[in-house]
Amino acid sequence: MQSKFSRTLVTAALPYANGPIHLGHLAGAYLPADIYVRYLRLKGEDVIFICGSDEHGVPITITAEKEGVTPQQIVDRYHTMNKESFAKFGMSFDNYSRTSLPVHHQTGQEFFLEFYRQKLLLEKTEKQLYCEKDRMFLADRYVEGTCPVCGNPEARGDQCEKCGTWLEQTQLIDPKCKICGTTPVVRETKHWYFPLGRFQKKLEEYVDSKKWKD
């Protein structure tokens, strides 16, 4: 018989702070988690329910560019709006935070630097689309082109919404930069990857142990 959890941590997907949440968000991710947390609390379990705004990513910068404001103004607006919406719908988060807080940046940097120091990261040189006019590598949603599978002319650099095919940027036919509309070029760029598979056994053992650090 498995031992009882000494404490349960419940999280739900962090919503992008680039627009208001809607009922689909609540029903799909947050209501089920909230019901589970309330059930554990009624049983007298020690449970923590955390969530927060994801304030980094291409959807946010694209929204900011469309509205002619800074990304920080976008995340400030929608973090406040969504936090208030969750409260009105009774989501019982113990902590609803945001990824733009200094502690989040600092912790993320500490993780990266420690992985780098221990030589745990894999460095790879890959090909990515680059806009010479805007002088930047283009993340997935900054590129649109024709899907090589179904011919949809508005496929993104990561997938085609029409046929559902996952794509690499370089697979797009006649790709265009979403910022300026010019045709990007292919350039090499270096990326770091964390080889999660190497630590699968240790992570599984840690999860199965049901223990928290003192």
N, C-alpha and C. Protein backbone atom coordinates (compact mmCIF):
# COMPACT_ATOMS: atom_id res chain seq x y z
N MET A 1 0.86 -1.20 0.00
CA MET A 1 0.00 0.00 0.00
C MET A 1 0.89 1.24 0.00
N GLN A 2 0.56 2.20 -0.86
CA GLN A 2 1.36 3.40 -0.95
C GLN A 2 1.16 4.29 0.27
N SER A 3 2.23 4.97 0.66
CA SER A 3 2.14 5.87 1.80
C SER A 3 1.37 7.13 1.42
N LYS A 4 0.82 7.77 2.43
CA LYS A 4 0.02 8.97 2.23
C LYS A 4 0.92 10.16 1.92
N PHE A 5 0.46 11.05 1.03
CA PHE A 5 1.20 12.27 0.74
C PHE A 5 1.29 13.11 2.01
N SER A 6 2.50 13.62 2.28
CA SER A 6 2.65 14.53 3.42
C SER A 6 2.17 15.93 3.04
N ARG A 7 2.25 16.25 1.77
CA ARG A 7 1.76 17.54 1.27
C ARG A 7 1.51 17.41 -0.22
N THR A 8 0.52 18.12 -0.71
CA THR A 8 0.20 18.07 -2.14
C THR A 8 0.32 19.47 -2.74
N LEU A 9 1.07 19.56 -3.82
CA LEU A 9 1.20 20.81 -4.57
C LEU A 9 0.39 20.68 -5.85
N VAL A 10 -0.54 21.58 -6.06
CA VAL A 10 -1.38 21.57 -7.26
C VAL A 10 -1.10 22.84 -8.06
N THR A 11 -0.83 22.66 -9.33
CA THR A 11 -0.64 23.80 -10.23
C THR A 11 -1.60 23.67 -11.41
N ALA A 12 -1.84 24.76 -12.07
CA ALA A 12 -2.63 24.77 -13.30
C ALA A 12 -1.86 25.59 -14.33
N ALA A 13 -2.13 25.34 -15.60
CA ALA A 13 -1.39 26.00 -16.68
C ALA A 13 -1.41 27.52 -16.49
N LEU A 14 -0.24 28.14 -16.63
CA LEU A 14 -0.15 29.59 -16.48
C LEU A 14 -0.72 30.27 -17.73
N PRO A 15 -1.76 31.10 -17.59
CA PRO A 15 -2.33 31.77 -18.76
C PRO A 15 -1.43 32.91 -19.24
N TYR A 16 -1.30 33.02 -20.56
CA TYR A 16 -0.57 34.15 -21.13
C TYR A 16 -1.27 35.45 -20.76
N ALA A 17 -0.50 36.43 -20.35
CA ALA A 17 -1.06 37.74 -20.02
C ALA A 17 -1.09 38.62 -21.26
N ASN A 18 -1.76 38.12 -22.30
CA ASN A 18 -1.89 38.90 -23.53
C ASN A 18 -3.34 39.09 -23.93
N GLY A 19 -4.25 38.73 -23.03
CA GLY A 19 -5.67 38.88 -23.31
C GLY A 19 -6.47 38.36 -22.13
N PRO A 20 -7.78 38.66 -22.10
CA PRO A 20 -8.61 38.21 -20.98
C PRO A 20 -8.91 36.72 -21.04
N ILE A 21 -9.01 36.09 -19.88
CA ILE A 21 -9.42 34.69 -19.84
C ILE A 21 -10.90 34.59 -20.19
N HIS A 22 -11.33 33.40 -20.63
CA HIS A 22 -12.74 33.20 -20.95
C HIS A 22 -13.22 31.89 -20.31
N LEU A 23 -14.48 31.55 -20.51
CA LEU A 23 -15.05 30.38 -19.86
C LEU A 23 -14.36 29.08 -20.27
N GLY A 24 -13.86 29.04 -21.50
CA GLY A 24 -13.14 27.86 -21.96
C GLY A 24 -11.88 27.61 -21.14
N HIS A 25 -11.17 28.70 -20.81
CA HIS A 25 -10.00 28.58 -19.95
C HIS A 25 -10.40 28.02 -18.59
N LEU A 26 -11.43 28.61 -18.00
CA LEU A 26 -11.85 28.20 -16.66
C LEU A 26 -12.26 26.74 -16.62
N ALA A 27 -13.09 26.33 -17.58
CA ALA A 27 -13.60 24.96 -17.59
C ALA A 27 -12.52 23.95 -17.92
N GLY A 28 -11.57 24.35 -18.76
CA GLY A 28 -10.58 23.40 -19.24
C GLY A 28 -9.45 23.12 -18.28
N ALA A 29 -8.97 24.15 -17.56
CA ALA A 29 -7.77 23.98 -16.75
C ALA A 29 -7.96 24.31 -15.28
N TYR A 30 -8.71 25.35 -14.97
CA TYR A 30 -8.70 25.88 -13.62
C TYR A 30 -9.81 25.33 -12.73
N LEU A 31 -10.99 25.13 -13.27
CA LEU A 31 -12.08 24.58 -12.46
C LEU A 31 -11.77 23.16 -12.00
N PRO A 32 -11.29 22.26 -12.87
CA PRO A 32 -10.96 20.91 -12.38
C PRO A 32 -9.90 20.93 -11.27
N ALA A 33 -8.88 21.78 -11.43
CA ALA A 33 -7.84 21.87 -10.41
C ALA A 33 -8.41 22.41 -9.11
N ASP A 34 -9.28 23.41 -9.21
CA ASP A 34 -9.87 24.01 -8.02
C ASP A 34 -10.75 23.01 -7.28
N ILE A 35 -11.52 22.21 -8.02
CA ILE A 35 -12.38 21.19 -7.41
C ILE A 35 -11.52 20.18 -6.64
N TYR A 36 -10.41 19.77 -7.25
CA TYR A 36 -9.52 18.81 -6.60
C TYR A 36 -8.91 19.38 -5.32
N VAL A 37 -8.50 20.65 -5.38
CA VAL A 37 -7.92 21.30 -4.21
C VAL A 37 -8.95 21.40 -3.09
N ARG A 38 -10.17 21.78 -3.43
CA ARG A 38 -11.22 21.91 -2.41
C ARG A 38 -11.53 20.55 -1.77
N TYR A 39 -11.48 19.51 -2.58
CA TYR A 39 -11.71 18.15 -2.06
C TYR A 39 -10.63 17.78 -1.05
N LEU A 40 -9.37 18.06 -1.38
CA LEU A 40 -8.28 17.75 -0.46
C LEU A 40 -8.39 18.56 0.83
N ARG A 41 -8.77 19.82 0.71
CA ARG A 41 -8.91 20.65 1.90
C ARG A 41 -10.03 20.12 2.80
N LEU A 42 -11.13 19.66 2.21
CA LEU A 42 -12.23 19.12 2.99
C LEU A 42 -11.80 17.86 3.74
N LYS A 43 -10.83 17.14 3.17
CA LYS A 43 -10.30 15.93 3.82
C LYS A 43 -9.27 16.26 4.88
N GLY A 44 -8.93 17.54 5.00
CA GLY A 44 -7.93 17.94 5.97
C GLY A 44 -6.50 17.77 5.51
N GLU A 45 -6.32 17.63 4.19
CA GLU A 45 -4.98 17.45 3.64
C GLU A 45 -4.21 18.78 3.63
N ASP A 46 -2.90 18.68 3.65
CA ASP A 46 -2.02 19.85 3.53
C ASP A 46 -1.78 20.07 2.03
N VAL A 47 -2.44 21.05 1.46
CA VAL A 47 -2.39 21.27 0.01
C VAL A 47 -2.10 22.73 -0.30
N ILE A 48 -1.32 22.96 -1.33
CA ILE A 48 -1.00 24.30 -1.80
C ILE A 48 -1.39 24.40 -3.27
N PHE A 49 -2.12 25.44 -3.62
CA PHE A 49 -2.61 25.64 -4.99
C PHE A 49 -1.99 26.92 -5.54
N ILE A 50 -1.13 26.78 -6.54
CA ILE A 50 -0.45 27.95 -7.08
C ILE A 50 -0.69 28.09 -8.59
N CYS A 51 -0.63 29.32 -9.04
CA CYS A 51 -0.77 29.61 -10.46
C CYS A 51 -0.22 31.02 -10.67
N GLY A 52 -0.36 31.56 -11.86
CA GLY A 52 0.12 32.91 -12.11
C GLY A 52 0.14 33.21 -13.59
N SER A 53 0.44 34.44 -13.91
CA SER A 53 0.47 34.89 -15.30
C SER A 53 1.80 34.57 -15.95
N ASP A 54 1.74 33.97 -17.14
CA ASP A 54 2.94 33.78 -17.96
C ASP A 54 3.14 35.08 -18.73
N GLU A 55 4.19 35.81 -18.38
CA GLU A 55 4.39 37.14 -18.94
C GLU A 55 5.58 37.23 -19.88
N HIS A 56 5.99 36.09 -20.40
CA HIS A 56 7.04 36.05 -21.41
C HIS A 56 6.55 35.25 -22.60
N GLY A 57 6.85 35.70 -23.79
CA GLY A 57 6.46 34.93 -24.96
C GLY A 57 6.04 35.79 -26.12
N VAL A 58 6.06 35.18 -27.27
CA VAL A 58 5.75 35.88 -28.51
C VAL A 58 4.33 36.44 -28.55
N PRO A 59 3.30 35.71 -28.06
CA PRO A 59 1.95 36.29 -28.11
C PRO A 59 1.86 37.66 -27.45
N ILE A 60 2.63 37.85 -26.39
CA ILE A 60 2.59 39.13 -25.68
C ILE A 60 3.25 40.23 -26.49
N THR A 61 4.41 39.94 -27.07
CA THR A 61 5.10 40.98 -27.85
C THR A 61 4.32 41.33 -29.11
N ILE A 62 3.65 40.34 -29.70
CA ILE A 62 2.85 40.62 -30.89
C ILE A 62 1.67 41.52 -30.53
N THR A 63 1.00 41.23 -29.41
CA THR A 63 -0.11 42.08 -28.96
C THR A 63 0.37 43.50 -28.70
N ALA A 64 1.53 43.63 -28.07
CA ALA A 64 2.08 44.96 -27.78
C ALA A 64 2.36 45.73 -29.06
N GLU A 65 2.91 45.06 -30.05
CA GLU A 65 3.22 45.72 -31.32
C GLU A 65 1.94 46.16 -32.03
N LYS A 66 0.91 45.34 -31.98
CA LYS A 66 -0.36 45.70 -32.61
C LYS A 66 -0.99 46.92 -31.96
N GLU A 67 -0.84 47.02 -30.63
CA GLU A 67 -1.47 48.13 -29.91
C GLU A 67 -0.55 49.34 -29.77
N GLY A 68 0.70 49.20 -30.17
CA GLY A 68 1.63 50.32 -30.08
C GLY A 68 2.04 50.67 -28.67
N VAL A 69 2.10 49.66 -27.80
CA VAL A 69 2.53 49.88 -26.42
C VAL A 69 3.67 48.91 -26.10
N THR A 70 4.18 48.99 -24.88
CA THR A 70 5.27 48.10 -24.49
C THR A 70 4.71 46.76 -24.01
N PRO A 71 5.51 45.69 -24.10
CA PRO A 71 5.07 44.40 -23.55
C PRO A 71 4.73 44.49 -22.06
N GLN A 72 5.46 45.30 -21.30
CA GLN A 72 5.17 45.43 -19.88
C GLN A 72 3.79 46.02 -19.64
N GLN A 73 3.39 46.97 -20.46
CA GLN A 73 2.04 47.54 -20.32
C GLN A 73 0.98 46.49 -20.59
N ILE A 74 1.24 45.61 -21.54
CA ILE A 74 0.28 44.54 -21.85
C ILE A 74 0.14 43.59 -20.67
N VAL A 75 1.26 43.11 -20.14
CA VAL A 75 1.19 42.13 -19.06
C VAL A 75 0.64 42.75 -17.78
N ASP A 76 0.95 44.02 -17.52
CA ASP A 76 0.39 44.68 -16.34
C ASP A 76 -1.13 44.75 -16.44
N ARG A 77 -1.62 45.06 -17.61
CA ARG A 77 -3.06 45.19 -17.81
C ARG A 77 -3.78 43.84 -17.63
N TYR A 78 -3.28 42.83 -18.33
CA TYR A 78 -4.01 41.56 -18.34
C TYR A 78 -3.74 40.70 -17.11
N HIS A 79 -2.61 40.91 -16.45
CA HIS A 79 -2.41 40.20 -15.18
C HIS A 79 -3.46 40.66 -14.17
N THR A 80 -3.61 41.97 -14.06
CA THR A 80 -4.60 42.51 -13.12
C THR A 80 -6.01 42.06 -13.49
N MET A 81 -6.34 42.14 -14.77
CA MET A 81 -7.67 41.77 -15.23
C MET A 81 -7.96 40.29 -14.95
N ASN A 82 -7.01 39.42 -15.29
CA ASN A 82 -7.24 37.99 -15.13
C ASN A 82 -7.25 37.56 -13.66
N LYS A 83 -6.40 38.18 -12.86
CA LYS A 83 -6.40 37.88 -11.43
C LYS A 83 -7.75 38.23 -10.81
N GLU A 84 -8.30 39.36 -11.21
CA GLU A 84 -9.61 39.77 -10.71
C GLU A 84 -10.70 38.82 -11.20
N SER A 85 -10.60 38.36 -12.44
CA SER A 85 -11.59 37.44 -13.00
C SER A 85 -11.56 36.11 -12.26
N PHE A 86 -10.36 35.60 -11.98
CA PHE A 86 -10.25 34.34 -11.23
C PHE A 86 -10.89 34.49 -9.85
N ALA A 87 -10.65 35.63 -9.22
CA ALA A 87 -11.22 35.85 -7.88
C ALA A 87 -12.74 35.90 -7.94
N LYS A 88 -13.30 36.54 -8.97
CA LYS A 88 -14.75 36.64 -9.10
C LYS A 88 -15.39 35.27 -9.34
N PHE A 89 -14.66 34.39 -10.01
CA PHE A 89 -15.18 33.04 -10.26
C PHE A 89 -14.85 32.08 -9.12
N GLY A 90 -14.21 32.58 -8.08
CA GLY A 90 -13.99 31.77 -6.89
C GLY A 90 -12.84 30.80 -6.95
N MET A 91 -11.89 31.01 -7.85
CA MET A 91 -10.72 30.12 -7.90
C MET A 91 -9.90 30.34 -6.63
N SER A 92 -9.62 29.27 -5.90
CA SER A 92 -9.06 29.41 -4.55
C SER A 92 -7.54 29.22 -4.54
N PHE A 93 -6.83 29.99 -5.36
CA PHE A 93 -5.38 29.93 -5.37
C PHE A 93 -4.81 30.39 -4.03
N ASP A 94 -3.80 29.67 -3.55
CA ASP A 94 -3.06 30.15 -2.39
C ASP A 94 -2.10 31.25 -2.80
N ASN A 95 -1.63 31.16 -4.04
CA ASN A 95 -0.73 32.20 -4.55
C ASN A 95 -0.94 32.32 -6.06
N TYR A 96 -1.30 33.50 -6.51
CA TYR A 96 -1.40 33.77 -7.95
C TYR A 96 -0.36 34.83 -8.26
N SER A 97 0.74 34.40 -8.86
CA SER A 97 1.90 35.27 -9.04
C SER A 97 2.07 35.66 -10.51
N ARG A 98 3.26 36.09 -10.87
CA ARG A 98 3.54 36.49 -12.24
C ARG A 98 5.02 36.27 -12.55
N THR A 99 5.31 35.89 -13.78
CA THR A 99 6.68 35.52 -14.13
C THR A 99 7.59 36.71 -14.40
N SER A 100 7.05 37.91 -14.32
CA SER A 100 7.90 39.10 -14.51
C SER A 100 8.50 39.59 -13.19
N LEU A 101 8.17 38.93 -12.08
CA LEU A 101 8.72 39.35 -10.80
C LEU A 101 10.23 39.07 -10.76
N PRO A 102 10.99 39.94 -10.10
CA PRO A 102 12.45 39.74 -10.01
C PRO A 102 12.85 38.38 -9.47
N VAL A 103 12.09 37.83 -8.52
CA VAL A 103 12.45 36.53 -7.95
C VAL A 103 12.36 35.43 -9.00
N HIS A 104 11.44 35.57 -9.93
CA HIS A 104 11.32 34.58 -11.00
C HIS A 104 12.52 34.67 -11.93
N HIS A 105 12.90 35.88 -12.31
CA HIS A 105 14.08 36.06 -13.17
C HIS A 105 15.34 35.52 -12.49
N GLN A 106 15.50 35.88 -11.22
CA GLN A 106 16.69 35.47 -10.48
C GLN A 106 16.77 33.95 -10.36
N THR A 107 15.65 33.32 -10.02
CA THR A 107 15.65 31.87 -9.86
C THR A 107 15.93 31.17 -11.19
N GLY A 108 15.33 31.68 -12.26
CA GLY A 108 15.58 31.10 -13.58
C GLY A 108 17.04 31.21 -13.98
N GLN A 109 17.65 32.35 -13.69
CA GLN A 109 19.07 32.55 -14.00
C GLN A 109 19.95 31.62 -13.17
N GLU A 110 19.57 31.43 -11.91
CA GLU A 110 20.36 30.54 -11.04
C GLU A 110 20.32 29.11 -11.55
N PHE A 111 19.15 28.65 -11.98
CA PHE A 111 19.03 27.31 -12.55
C PHE A 111 19.92 27.18 -13.78
N PHE A 112 19.80 28.15 -14.70
CA PHE A 112 20.57 28.09 -15.94
C PHE A 112 22.06 28.07 -15.67
N LEU A 113 22.52 28.98 -14.83
CA LEU A 113 23.95 29.09 -14.56
C LEU A 113 24.49 27.84 -13.88
N GLU A 114 23.69 27.23 -13.01
CA GLU A 114 24.13 26.00 -12.36
C GLU A 114 24.21 24.85 -13.36
N PHE A 115 23.21 24.74 -14.24
CA PHE A 115 23.26 23.72 -15.29
C PHE A 115 24.47 23.94 -16.20
N TYR A 116 24.72 25.21 -16.52
CA TYR A 116 25.86 25.53 -17.39
C TYR A 116 27.18 25.21 -16.70
N ARG A 117 27.27 25.55 -15.42
CA ARG A 117 28.50 25.29 -14.67
C ARG A 117 28.80 23.80 -14.60
N GLN A 118 27.76 22.99 -14.46
CA GLN A 118 27.94 21.55 -14.37
C GLN A 118 27.97 20.87 -15.74
N LYS A 119 27.97 21.69 -16.79
CA LYS A 119 28.04 21.17 -18.17
C LYS A 119 26.91 20.19 -18.47
N LEU A 120 25.71 20.54 -18.01
CA LEU A 120 24.54 19.69 -18.24
C LEU A 120 23.78 20.09 -19.50
N LEU A 121 24.08 21.25 -20.04
CA LEU A 121 23.36 21.74 -21.20
C LEU A 121 24.01 21.28 -22.50
N LEU A 122 23.18 20.99 -23.49
CA LEU A 122 23.67 20.62 -24.81
C LEU A 122 23.58 21.83 -25.73
N GLU A 123 24.68 22.20 -26.34
CA GLU A 123 24.69 23.33 -27.26
C GLU A 123 24.59 22.80 -28.70
N LYS A 124 23.62 23.33 -29.44
CA LYS A 124 23.42 22.91 -30.82
C LYS A 124 23.33 24.13 -31.74
N THR A 125 23.91 24.00 -32.91
CA THR A 125 23.77 25.03 -33.93
C THR A 125 22.66 24.61 -34.88
N GLU A 126 21.67 25.49 -35.02
CA GLU A 126 20.52 25.16 -35.85
C GLU A 126 20.24 26.29 -36.83
N LYS A 127 19.40 25.98 -37.80
CA LYS A 127 19.01 26.97 -38.79
C LYS A 127 17.65 27.57 -38.42
N GLN A 128 17.58 28.90 -38.49
CA GLN A 128 16.35 29.61 -38.12
C GLN A 128 16.17 30.80 -39.05
N LEU A 129 14.93 31.19 -39.24
CA LEU A 129 14.63 32.32 -40.10
C LEU A 129 15.03 33.63 -39.41
N TYR A 130 15.63 34.52 -40.20
CA TYR A 130 16.13 35.80 -39.68
C TYR A 130 15.64 36.92 -40.58
N CYS A 131 15.08 37.97 -39.96
CA CYS A 131 14.61 39.13 -40.72
C CYS A 131 15.73 40.16 -40.79
N GLU A 132 16.22 40.41 -41.99
CA GLU A 132 17.32 41.36 -42.15
C GLU A 132 16.86 42.79 -41.93
N LYS A 133 15.60 43.08 -42.22
CA LYS A 133 15.10 44.44 -42.01
C LYS A 133 14.97 44.77 -40.53
N ASP A 134 14.37 43.85 -39.77
CA ASP A 134 14.19 44.07 -38.33
C ASP A 134 15.38 43.62 -37.51
N ARG A 135 16.34 42.97 -38.16
CA ARG A 135 17.58 42.53 -37.54
C ARG A 135 17.33 41.65 -36.31
N MET A 136 16.55 40.60 -36.53
CA MET A 136 16.25 39.69 -35.43
C MET A 136 15.88 38.31 -35.97
N PHE A 137 16.20 37.27 -35.16
CA PHE A 137 15.70 35.94 -35.46
C PHE A 137 14.21 35.92 -35.13
N LEU A 138 13.47 35.20 -35.94
CA LEU A 138 12.02 35.22 -35.82
C LEU A 138 11.52 33.99 -35.07
N ALA A 139 10.89 34.23 -33.94
CA ALA A 139 10.25 33.13 -33.22
C ALA A 139 9.05 32.64 -34.03
N ASP A 140 8.50 31.51 -33.61
CA ASP A 140 7.49 30.81 -34.42
C ASP A 140 6.36 31.70 -34.91
N ARG A 141 5.75 32.46 -34.01
CA ARG A 141 4.58 33.24 -34.39
C ARG A 141 4.93 34.53 -35.12
N TYR A 142 6.21 34.81 -35.26
CA TYR A 142 6.63 35.96 -36.04
C TYR A 142 6.78 35.61 -37.52
N VAL A 143 6.45 34.37 -37.87
CA VAL A 143 6.57 33.92 -39.25
C VAL A 143 5.24 33.33 -39.72
N GLU A 144 4.84 33.69 -40.93
CA GLU A 144 3.68 33.07 -41.56
C GLU A 144 4.03 32.73 -42.99
N GLY A 145 3.44 31.64 -43.47
CA GLY A 145 3.67 31.22 -44.84
C GLY A 145 2.65 30.16 -45.24
N THR A 146 2.89 29.54 -46.35
CA THR A 146 1.97 28.52 -46.85
C THR A 146 2.33 27.15 -46.29
N CYS A 147 1.33 26.46 -45.77
CA CYS A 147 1.53 25.13 -45.21
C CYS A 147 1.90 24.15 -46.32
N PRO A 148 2.97 23.38 -46.17
CA PRO A 148 3.36 22.44 -47.20
C PRO A 148 2.46 21.21 -47.29
N VAL A 149 1.57 21.05 -46.30
CA VAL A 149 0.69 19.88 -46.26
C VAL A 149 -0.67 20.17 -46.89
N CYS A 150 -1.33 21.27 -46.43
CA CYS A 150 -2.69 21.54 -46.90
C CYS A 150 -2.80 22.80 -47.76
N GLY A 151 -1.73 23.58 -47.86
CA GLY A 151 -1.76 24.78 -48.68
C GLY A 151 -2.35 26.00 -48.01
N ASN A 152 -2.61 25.94 -46.70
CA ASN A 152 -3.12 27.10 -45.97
C ASN A 152 -2.10 28.24 -46.04
N PRO A 153 -2.48 29.41 -46.57
CA PRO A 153 -1.51 30.51 -46.72
C PRO A 153 -1.19 31.24 -45.43
N GLU A 154 -1.85 30.90 -44.33
CA GLU A 154 -1.64 31.59 -43.06
C GLU A 154 -1.08 30.66 -41.98
N ALA A 155 -0.32 29.66 -42.38
CA ALA A 155 0.30 28.77 -41.40
C ALA A 155 1.38 29.51 -40.63
N ARG A 156 1.54 29.18 -39.35
CA ARG A 156 2.55 29.82 -38.51
C ARG A 156 3.86 29.03 -38.58
N GLY A 157 4.88 29.60 -37.95
CA GLY A 157 6.18 28.96 -37.95
C GLY A 157 6.30 27.75 -37.07
N ASP A 158 5.24 27.42 -36.32
CA ASP A 158 5.27 26.22 -35.49
C ASP A 158 4.19 25.21 -35.84
N GLN A 159 3.08 25.67 -36.43
CA GLN A 159 2.03 24.73 -36.82
C GLN A 159 1.04 25.40 -37.76
N CYS A 160 0.27 24.55 -38.42
CA CYS A 160 -0.82 25.02 -39.27
C CYS A 160 -2.13 24.82 -38.53
N GLU A 161 -2.84 25.91 -38.29
CA GLU A 161 -4.10 25.83 -37.55
C GLU A 161 -5.19 25.14 -38.36
N LYS A 162 -5.05 25.11 -39.67
CA LYS A 162 -6.10 24.53 -40.52
C LYS A 162 -6.05 23.00 -40.51
N CYS A 163 -4.86 22.43 -40.70
CA CYS A 163 -4.77 20.96 -40.76
C CYS A 163 -4.16 20.35 -39.51
N GLY A 164 -3.62 21.20 -38.62
CA GLY A 164 -3.08 20.72 -37.36
C GLY A 164 -1.67 20.18 -37.42
N THR A 165 -0.99 20.34 -38.56
CA THR A 165 0.35 19.81 -38.71
C THR A 165 1.37 20.66 -37.94
N TRP A 166 2.24 19.98 -37.17
CA TRP A 166 3.34 20.67 -36.51
C TRP A 166 4.43 20.90 -37.55
N LEU A 167 4.97 22.11 -37.57
CA LEU A 167 5.92 22.49 -38.61
C LEU A 167 7.21 23.06 -38.04
N GLU A 168 8.26 22.92 -38.81
CA GLU A 168 9.49 23.68 -38.59
C GLU A 168 9.40 24.94 -39.45
N GLN A 169 10.00 26.02 -38.99
CA GLN A 169 9.95 27.28 -39.73
C GLN A 169 10.37 27.11 -41.19
N THR A 170 11.45 26.37 -41.38
CA THR A 170 12.03 26.23 -42.71
C THR A 170 11.17 25.38 -43.65
N GLN A 171 10.11 24.77 -43.13
CA GLN A 171 9.20 23.99 -43.97
C GLN A 171 8.16 24.87 -44.66
N LEU A 172 7.95 26.08 -44.15
CA LEU A 172 6.94 26.96 -44.73
C LEU A 172 7.30 27.35 -46.16
N ILE A 173 6.29 27.43 -46.99
CA ILE A 173 6.47 27.89 -48.37
C ILE A 173 6.24 29.40 -48.40
N ASP A 174 7.17 30.13 -49.00
CA ASP A 174 7.09 31.58 -49.10
C ASP A 174 6.84 32.23 -47.74
N PRO A 175 7.72 32.00 -46.76
CA PRO A 175 7.54 32.60 -45.43
C PRO A 175 7.71 34.11 -45.45
N LYS A 176 6.96 34.78 -44.55
CA LYS A 176 7.04 36.23 -44.43
C LYS A 176 7.16 36.61 -42.95
N CYS A 177 7.92 37.66 -42.70
CA CYS A 177 8.02 38.21 -41.35
C CYS A 177 6.71 38.92 -41.01
N LYS A 178 6.12 38.60 -39.87
CA LYS A 178 4.85 39.22 -39.48
C LYS A 178 5.00 40.67 -39.08
N ILE A 179 6.22 41.09 -38.78
CA ILE A 179 6.43 42.48 -38.36
C ILE A 179 6.44 43.42 -39.56
N CYS A 180 7.24 43.06 -40.57
CA CYS A 180 7.42 43.99 -41.70
C CYS A 180 6.98 43.43 -43.05
N GLY A 181 6.70 42.13 -43.10
CA GLY A 181 6.20 41.53 -44.34
C GLY A 181 7.27 41.12 -45.33
N THR A 182 8.54 41.30 -44.99
CA THR A 182 9.60 40.92 -45.92
C THR A 182 9.90 39.42 -45.81
N THR A 183 10.63 38.91 -46.79
CA THR A 183 11.00 37.50 -46.79
C THR A 183 12.26 37.30 -45.96
N PRO A 184 12.19 36.48 -44.93
CA PRO A 184 13.38 36.27 -44.09
C PRO A 184 14.39 35.34 -44.77
N VAL A 185 15.60 35.36 -44.25
CA VAL A 185 16.65 34.47 -44.75
C VAL A 185 16.95 33.43 -43.67
N VAL A 186 17.63 32.37 -44.08
CA VAL A 186 18.00 31.32 -43.13
C VAL A 186 19.41 31.58 -42.62
N ARG A 187 19.55 31.61 -41.29
CA ARG A 187 20.86 31.79 -40.67
C ARG A 187 21.05 30.76 -39.57
N GLU A 188 22.30 30.52 -39.24
CA GLU A 188 22.60 29.60 -38.16
C GLU A 188 22.59 30.34 -36.83
N THR A 189 22.11 29.66 -35.80
CA THR A 189 22.06 30.24 -34.46
C THR A 189 22.28 29.14 -33.44
N LYS A 190 22.86 29.50 -32.31
CA LYS A 190 23.15 28.52 -31.27
C LYS A 190 22.04 28.49 -30.22
N HIS A 191 21.71 27.29 -29.77
CA HIS A 191 20.70 27.10 -28.74
C HIS A 191 21.23 26.14 -27.69
N TRP A 192 20.75 26.31 -26.45
CA TRP A 192 21.07 25.38 -25.38
C TRP A 192 19.83 24.53 -25.07
N TYR A 193 20.06 23.26 -24.84
CA TYR A 193 18.98 22.34 -24.50
C TYR A 193 19.33 21.58 -23.22
N PHE A 194 18.30 21.33 -22.42
CA PHE A 194 18.48 20.53 -21.22
C PHE A 194 18.03 19.11 -21.52
N PRO A 195 18.94 18.13 -21.43
CA PRO A 195 18.61 16.74 -21.78
C PRO A 195 17.80 16.05 -20.70
N LEU A 196 16.51 16.33 -20.66
CA LEU A 196 15.64 15.86 -19.59
C LEU A 196 15.64 14.33 -19.47
N GLY A 197 15.76 13.65 -20.61
CA GLY A 197 15.72 12.19 -20.58
C GLY A 197 16.80 11.56 -19.72
N ARG A 198 17.93 12.24 -19.58
CA ARG A 198 19.02 11.71 -18.77
C ARG A 198 18.64 11.60 -17.29
N PHE A 199 17.69 12.42 -16.88
CA PHE A 199 17.32 12.49 -15.47
C PHE A 199 15.94 11.89 -15.20
N GLN A 200 15.42 11.17 -16.17
CA GLN A 200 14.07 10.61 -16.03
C GLN A 200 13.93 9.72 -14.80
N LYS A 201 14.88 8.80 -14.61
CA LYS A 201 14.78 7.86 -13.50
C LYS A 201 14.81 8.59 -12.15
N LYS A 202 15.74 9.54 -12.01
CA LYS A 202 15.84 10.27 -10.75
C LYS A 202 14.59 11.10 -10.48
N LEU A 203 14.05 11.70 -11.53
CA LEU A 203 12.83 12.51 -11.36
C LEU A 203 11.64 11.64 -10.98
N GLU A 204 11.54 10.47 -11.60
CA GLU A 204 10.45 9.56 -11.27
C GLU A 204 10.56 9.08 -9.82
N GLU A 205 11.78 8.79 -9.40
CA GLU A 205 11.98 8.37 -8.00
C GLU A 205 11.62 9.48 -7.04
N TYR A 206 11.96 10.71 -7.42
CA TYR A 206 11.64 11.85 -6.55
C TYR A 206 10.13 12.05 -6.44
N VAL A 207 9.44 11.97 -7.57
CA VAL A 207 7.98 12.14 -7.56
C VAL A 207 7.32 11.02 -6.77
N ASP A 208 7.78 9.79 -6.97
CA ASP A 208 7.18 8.64 -6.28
C ASP A 208 7.47 8.64 -4.78
N SER A 209 8.53 9.36 -4.36
CA SER A 209 8.88 9.36 -2.94
C SER A 209 7.88 10.13 -2.09
N LYS A 210 7.15 11.05 -2.72
CA LYS A 210 6.12 11.83 -2.02
C LYS A 210 6.70 12.63 -0.85
N LYS A 211 7.96 13.03 -0.99
CA LYS A 211 8.60 13.78 0.08
C LYS A 211 8.91 15.20 -0.35
N TRP A 212 8.89 16.11 0.61
CA TRP A 212 9.26 17.50 0.37
C TRP A 212 10.56 17.79 1.12
N LYS A 213 11.29 18.77 0.61
CA LYS A 213 12.49 19.19 1.31
C LYS A 213 12.11 19.82 2.64
N ASP A 214 12.94 19.60 3.66
CA ASP A 214 12.68 20.21 4.97
C ASP A 214 12.92 21.71 4.92
